[in-house]
Protein backbone atom coordinates (compact mmCIF):
# COMPACT_ATOMS: atom_id res chain seq x y z
CA MET A 1 205.16 122.01 112.06
CA THR A 2 201.37 121.94 111.70
CA LEU A 3 201.65 125.03 108.77
CA THR A 4 203.75 122.33 106.88
CA TYR A 5 201.13 119.50 107.34
CA VAL A 6 198.59 122.01 106.19
CA LEU A 7 200.80 123.22 103.00
CA LEU A 8 201.28 119.70 102.07
CA PHE A 9 197.78 118.46 102.55
CA LEU A 10 196.59 121.43 100.29
CA ALA A 11 199.20 120.78 97.51
CA ALA A 12 198.13 117.12 97.84
CA LEU A 13 194.69 118.09 97.45
CA ILE A 14 195.21 120.66 94.35
CA ILE A 15 197.41 118.02 92.86
CA LEU A 16 194.55 115.06 93.24
CA SER A 17 191.96 117.70 92.10
CA GLY A 18 193.89 118.06 88.83
CA LEU A 19 193.72 114.06 88.28
CA PHE A 20 190.80 113.01 85.82
CA THR A 21 190.12 109.88 84.00
CA ILE A 22 188.69 109.10 80.35
CA ASN A 23 186.76 105.90 80.19
CA GLN A 24 187.65 103.53 76.81
CA GLY A 25 185.32 104.39 74.10
CA TYR A 26 185.07 107.94 75.13
CA VAL A 27 187.34 111.03 74.28
CA GLY A 28 187.32 113.89 77.03
CA VAL A 29 187.20 117.65 75.82
CA ILE A 30 189.02 120.23 78.03
CA THR A 31 188.78 123.92 77.91
CA MET A 32 190.21 126.55 80.01
CA PHE A 33 188.14 129.98 80.65
CA GLY A 34 185.66 128.49 78.12
CA LYS A 35 188.08 127.85 75.24
CA TYR A 36 189.14 124.37 73.99
CA GLN A 37 192.26 123.38 75.15
CA ARG A 38 192.76 120.02 73.87
CA ALA A 39 191.26 116.38 73.25
CA ALA A 40 192.33 113.56 76.11
CA GLY A 41 191.80 109.94 75.17
CA PRO A 42 191.19 106.92 77.36
CA GLY A 43 193.08 106.60 80.92
CA LEU A 44 194.29 108.78 83.56
CA HIS A 45 195.14 112.74 82.83
CA LEU A 46 196.44 116.00 84.54
CA LYS A 47 194.68 119.19 84.23
CA ILE A 48 195.53 122.33 85.68
CA PRO A 49 193.62 122.85 88.54
CA PHE A 50 190.87 125.74 88.93
CA LEU A 51 191.97 126.32 85.15
CA GLU A 52 191.02 123.59 82.86
CA HIS A 53 188.13 122.05 82.89
CA VAL A 54 186.66 118.64 81.27
CA PHE A 55 183.88 120.37 79.38
CA LYS A 56 182.34 116.87 77.72
CA LYS A 57 183.09 113.00 77.15
CA ILE A 58 182.15 112.54 73.72
CA SER A 59 181.41 108.99 73.35
CA ILE A 60 182.83 107.32 69.96
CA GLN A 61 180.91 104.24 69.90
CA ASN A 62 178.22 103.19 67.54
CA ARG A 63 174.90 104.79 68.73
CA SER A 64 171.31 103.68 67.30
CA VAL A 65 167.73 105.16 67.19
CA GLU A 66 164.55 104.39 66.17
CA LEU A 67 162.40 106.21 63.90
CA GLU A 68 158.29 106.38 63.30
CA PHE A 69 157.15 109.09 60.65
CA GLN A 70 154.94 109.42 57.41
CA ALA A 71 155.51 110.60 54.22
CA VAL A 72 153.12 111.42 51.07
CA THR A 73 153.77 109.82 47.74
CA GLN A 74 153.35 111.34 44.27
CA ASP A 75 149.54 109.90 44.03
CA GLN A 76 148.92 111.34 47.46
CA ALA A 77 149.02 108.34 49.71
CA ASN A 78 150.11 108.13 53.04
CA VAL A 79 153.23 105.96 53.95
CA TYR A 80 154.50 105.00 57.35
CA PHE A 81 157.87 104.22 57.89
CA LYS A 82 159.47 102.25 60.87
CA SER A 83 163.37 102.39 60.67
CA MET A 84 166.36 101.98 62.55
CA LEU A 85 169.43 104.69 62.38
CA LEU A 86 172.88 103.56 63.22
CA TYR A 87 175.77 106.63 63.49
CA ALA A 88 179.05 107.24 65.29
CA VAL A 89 181.54 109.58 65.49
CA GLN A 90 183.10 110.29 61.95
CA ASN A 91 186.82 109.69 63.60
CA GLU A 92 188.99 110.53 66.58
CA GLU A 93 191.05 113.68 64.99
CA GLU A 94 190.75 116.55 66.85
CA GLU A 95 188.80 119.11 64.45
CA THR A 96 186.36 116.36 64.08
CA ILE A 97 186.23 116.19 68.18
CA LYS A 98 185.79 120.18 68.28
CA LYS A 99 182.85 119.93 65.57
CA VAL A 100 181.13 116.99 67.92
CA ALA A 101 181.61 119.13 71.28
CA PHE A 102 180.55 122.68 70.16
CA LYS A 103 177.98 121.97 67.20
CA PHE A 104 175.24 121.61 69.62
CA ILE A 105 174.08 122.45 72.85
CA SER A 106 173.22 118.67 74.14
CA ASP A 107 172.80 115.43 72.58
CA ARG A 108 168.95 115.68 72.46
CA ASP A 109 169.44 118.76 70.28
CA LEU A 110 171.81 116.69 67.96
CA MET A 111 169.34 113.72 67.60
CA GLN A 112 166.37 116.10 66.69
CA ALA A 113 168.31 117.48 64.26
CA LEU A 114 169.82 114.33 62.75
CA VAL A 115 166.12 112.76 62.75
CA ARG A 116 164.29 115.44 61.21
CA THR A 117 167.17 116.01 58.22
CA ILE A 118 166.62 111.99 57.66
CA GLU A 119 162.77 112.21 57.70
CA GLY A 120 162.95 115.11 55.49
CA ASN A 121 165.40 113.42 52.63
CA ILE A 122 163.25 110.41 52.89
CA ARG A 123 159.73 112.44 52.12
CA SER A 124 161.55 114.08 49.65
CA PHE A 125 162.39 110.84 47.72
CA VAL A 126 158.81 109.35 47.87
CA ALA A 127 156.95 112.29 47.13
CA THR A 128 158.52 111.80 43.39
CA LYS A 129 157.36 108.00 43.41
CA LYS A 130 153.92 106.53 43.42
CA GLN A 131 152.46 104.15 46.23
CA ALA A 132 152.86 100.68 44.14
CA GLU A 133 156.73 101.55 43.95
CA VAL A 134 157.44 102.40 47.38
CA LEU A 135 157.35 99.06 48.52
CA GLY A 136 160.00 97.81 46.12
CA LEU A 137 162.48 100.91 46.97
CA ARG A 138 164.20 99.91 50.37
CA ARG A 139 167.82 100.03 48.87
CA GLU A 140 167.14 103.05 46.56
CA ILE A 141 165.69 104.86 49.63
CA VAL A 142 168.59 103.99 51.80
CA GLU A 143 171.17 104.96 48.86
CA TYR A 144 169.46 108.27 48.55
CA VAL A 145 169.46 109.23 52.35
CA LYS A 146 173.02 108.21 52.45
CA VAL A 147 174.23 110.44 49.71
CA GLU A 148 172.32 113.21 50.45
CA ILE A 149 173.15 113.14 54.30
CA ASP A 150 176.53 112.26 54.54
CA HIS A 151 178.06 115.78 53.73
CA THR A 152 175.82 117.50 56.44
CA LEU A 153 176.77 114.80 59.17
CA ALA A 154 180.30 114.94 58.37
CA GLU A 155 179.67 119.01 59.01
CA TRP A 156 178.47 117.93 62.43
CA GLY A 157 181.75 115.53 62.90
CA TYR A 158 179.16 112.25 62.60
CA HIS A 159 179.07 109.83 60.26
CA LEU A 160 175.82 107.42 59.13
CA GLN A 161 176.44 104.07 59.46
CA ASP A 162 173.35 102.30 58.37
CA LEU A 163 169.89 103.33 57.92
CA GLN A 164 167.29 100.10 58.19
CA ILE A 165 163.78 100.59 56.83
CA ASN A 166 162.12 97.56 59.05
CA ASP A 167 158.56 98.49 57.76
CA ILE A 168 156.58 100.32 55.30
CA THR A 169 152.69 100.51 55.74
CA PHE A 170 149.98 102.21 53.99
CA ASP A 171 146.59 103.54 55.23
CA LYS A 172 143.92 100.67 55.45
CA MET A 173 142.23 101.31 52.49
CA ILE A 174 144.77 101.26 50.34
CA LEU A 175 146.04 97.77 51.63
CA GLU A 176 142.85 96.52 51.10
CA SER A 177 142.54 98.01 47.30
CA MET A 178 146.17 96.82 46.87
CA SER A 179 145.09 93.05 47.96
CA LYS A 180 142.28 93.31 45.75
CA VAL A 181 144.52 94.14 42.64
CA VAL A 182 147.01 91.51 43.48
CA ALA A 183 144.44 88.74 43.83
CA SER A 184 142.92 89.98 40.56
CA ASN A 185 146.23 89.64 39.02
CA ASN A 186 146.68 86.39 40.46
CA LEU A 187 143.47 85.02 38.93
CA LYS A 188 143.99 86.61 35.87
CA ALA A 189 147.55 84.70 35.65
CA ALA A 190 145.93 81.76 36.73
CA ALA A 191 143.09 81.64 33.58
CA GLU A 192 145.99 82.78 31.25
CA ASN A 193 148.11 79.78 32.48
CA GLU A 194 144.76 77.25 32.59
CA GLY A 195 144.21 78.47 28.93
CA GLN A 196 147.84 77.76 27.69
CA ALA A 197 147.57 74.28 29.51
CA LEU A 198 144.31 73.56 27.56
CA LEU A 199 145.81 75.03 24.35
CA ILE A 200 149.02 73.08 24.66
CA THR A 201 146.78 69.83 25.73
CA LYS A 202 144.31 70.09 22.87
CA THR A 203 147.26 70.59 20.72
CA LYS A 204 149.40 67.64 21.56
CA SER A 205 145.89 65.79 21.44
CA ALA A 206 145.25 66.92 17.66
CA GLU A 207 148.80 65.58 17.05
CA ALA A 208 148.82 62.47 18.37
CA GLU A 209 145.42 61.88 16.65
CA GLY A 210 146.96 62.80 13.35
CA ASN A 211 149.93 60.77 13.89
CA ALA A 212 147.79 57.93 14.65
CA ILE A 213 145.47 58.22 11.50
CA LYS A 214 148.69 58.64 9.59
CA ILE A 215 150.40 55.43 11.28
CA SER A 216 146.90 53.52 10.44
CA ALA A 217 146.89 54.88 6.64
CA GLU A 218 150.70 53.54 6.04
CA ALA A 219 149.58 50.41 8.02
CA GLU A 220 146.56 49.57 5.76
CA ARG A 221 148.35 50.68 2.50
CA GLU A 222 151.07 48.21 3.48
CA ALA A 223 148.48 45.85 3.84
CA ALA A 224 146.80 46.22 0.80
CA LYS A 225 149.60 46.22 -1.02
CA LEU A 226 150.61 42.88 0.67
CA ARG A 227 147.20 41.39 0.17
CA GLY A 228 147.33 42.41 -3.77
CA GLN A 229 150.83 40.51 -3.63
CA GLY A 230 149.28 37.72 -2.03
CA ILE A 231 146.28 37.50 -4.55
CA ALA A 232 148.69 37.86 -7.44
CA LEU A 233 150.97 35.00 -6.01
CA PHE A 234 148.12 32.94 -5.22
CA ARG A 235 146.72 33.58 -8.87
CA GLU A 236 150.02 32.74 -10.22
CA GLU A 237 150.41 29.51 -8.35
CA VAL A 238 146.94 28.39 -9.07
CA ALA A 239 147.65 29.01 -13.26
CA LYS A 240 150.81 27.28 -13.06
CA GLY A 241 149.06 24.33 -10.88
CA MET A 242 146.32 24.11 -13.61
CA SER A 243 148.56 24.05 -16.26
CA SER A 244 150.30 21.40 -14.51
CA ALA A 245 147.47 19.32 -14.19
CA ALA A 246 146.09 20.00 -17.32
CA GLU A 247 149.46 18.80 -18.88
CA GLU A 248 149.26 15.74 -16.58
CA LEU A 249 145.60 14.64 -17.84
CA ARG A 250 146.51 15.11 -21.44
CA GLN A 251 149.42 12.76 -21.18
CA ALA A 252 147.30 10.50 -19.67
CA ASN A 253 144.17 10.65 -22.37
CA LEU A 254 142.04 11.97 -19.92
CA ASP A 255 139.31 14.92 -20.24
CA THR A 256 140.84 18.04 -18.96
CA ASN A 257 137.20 19.24 -17.82
CA PHE A 258 137.90 16.92 -14.73
CA ILE A 259 139.96 19.75 -13.39
CA LEU A 260 136.91 21.94 -13.55
CA PHE A 261 134.72 19.50 -11.91
CA SER A 262 137.55 19.15 -9.14
CA MET A 263 137.48 22.97 -8.85
CA TRP A 264 133.72 22.76 -8.64
CA THR A 265 133.43 20.28 -5.89
CA GLU A 266 135.80 22.08 -3.79
CA ALA A 267 134.05 25.19 -4.32
CA ILE A 268 130.85 23.42 -2.95
CA LYS A 269 132.88 22.01 0.23
CA ASN A 270 134.23 25.41 1.18
CA PHE A 271 130.97 27.17 0.76
CA ALA A 272 129.39 24.29 3.31
CA GLU A 273 132.64 24.40 5.34
CA TYR A 274 133.12 28.03 5.79
CA GLY A 275 129.80 29.90 5.23
CA LYS A 276 129.23 30.39 8.54
CA GLY A 277 125.42 30.12 8.29
CA ASN A 278 125.14 32.34 5.17
CA VAL A 279 122.72 30.70 2.31
CA ILE A 280 124.06 30.28 -1.13
CA PHE A 281 121.40 29.00 -3.66
CA LEU A 282 123.56 26.20 -6.30
CA ASP A 283 121.72 24.18 -8.66
CA GLY A 284 122.81 20.53 -7.81
CA SER A 285 120.99 18.91 -11.00
CA THR A 286 122.73 17.50 -13.71
CA GLU A 287 121.57 19.96 -16.11
CA GLY A 288 122.86 22.43 -13.56
CA MET A 289 126.17 21.09 -13.18
CA GLU A 290 126.57 20.66 -17.25
CA LYS A 291 125.67 24.36 -17.28
CA THR A 292 128.37 25.62 -15.11
CA MET A 293 130.83 23.55 -16.88
CA ARG A 294 129.93 24.64 -20.02
CA GLN A 295 130.12 28.48 -18.47
CA PHE A 296 133.71 27.26 -17.18
CA GLN A 297 135.10 26.40 -20.41
CA ALA A 298 133.80 29.44 -22.40
CA LEU A 299 135.76 31.53 -19.53
CA MET A 300 138.87 29.20 -20.33
CA LEU A 301 138.42 29.31 -24.15
CA ARG A 302 137.47 33.35 -24.36
CA PRO A 303 140.25 35.89 -25.60
CA SER A 304 141.04 38.00 -23.08
CA GLY A 305 139.02 41.52 -23.88
CA THR A 306 136.34 39.88 -26.02
CA LEU A 307 132.62 40.41 -25.45
CA ASP A 308 130.35 37.31 -24.44
CA VAL A 309 129.45 34.89 -27.11
CA PRO A 310 125.79 33.89 -27.38
CA GLU A 311 125.25 30.15 -26.20
CA LYS A 312 124.06 27.89 -28.84
CA LYS A 313 121.94 25.74 -28.42
């Protein structure tokens, strides 16, 4: 009876020793006598006791690592990179799991090979560029590394999910010289913009002044035209008025010289009223008035375009 219990206990112990679990997000690699046997997914599994062995539990989750390394540009400038690497097992197929399980002795060796491979690819890319180009080539660096390293990682059973370059810096002296170049370029651009603005201001001012002169000239010409028309109309009306007045005086058997006398007195009145302090010398004597009247008569009787006729004594 006791032997039976002992046998049952040993059998149960053997069965329990053959049970094992794989957590979610992992794949178990089972070997027998050191040779790959099969892969086990998440859950409870049974293996042959004392013969089969759980060689490794491989995580199929995404893993990340931070990298810091140095590269040299084509013009011999030191560039310092800080980046983040995101990678994972390529898939859960049996061949992929076998590569991941047996390509490297440990995860440390895998990590070292992965980091050095990525660093080498970035350094080879940076070595073909100048320092002024590197800062604007983050995306190009990432794309170059992915293209170059995907085939290598696939042979190891991994896939590069993402590579982010968080920081790119140079030596202190290079940073200072780059800052001076940027500052000088900004000053140059500001001077050019200021010159362009001044040129535009001067040009617009000249155009405005030219337009103002043109408008003023047009207005002056129009005013002169209107003044000439006014004077011509005034003379026409004066001539009509004098002709009408002379006709009325003849009909009344009066001397037409009365018109000249009236014009003379009106002129003197206007001189006194609108002279504004100006001094005008007039001969107010009877002889002076008579002389002036004779001159008016001579002007009225002289044919157009004739020379002055000497005064008869």
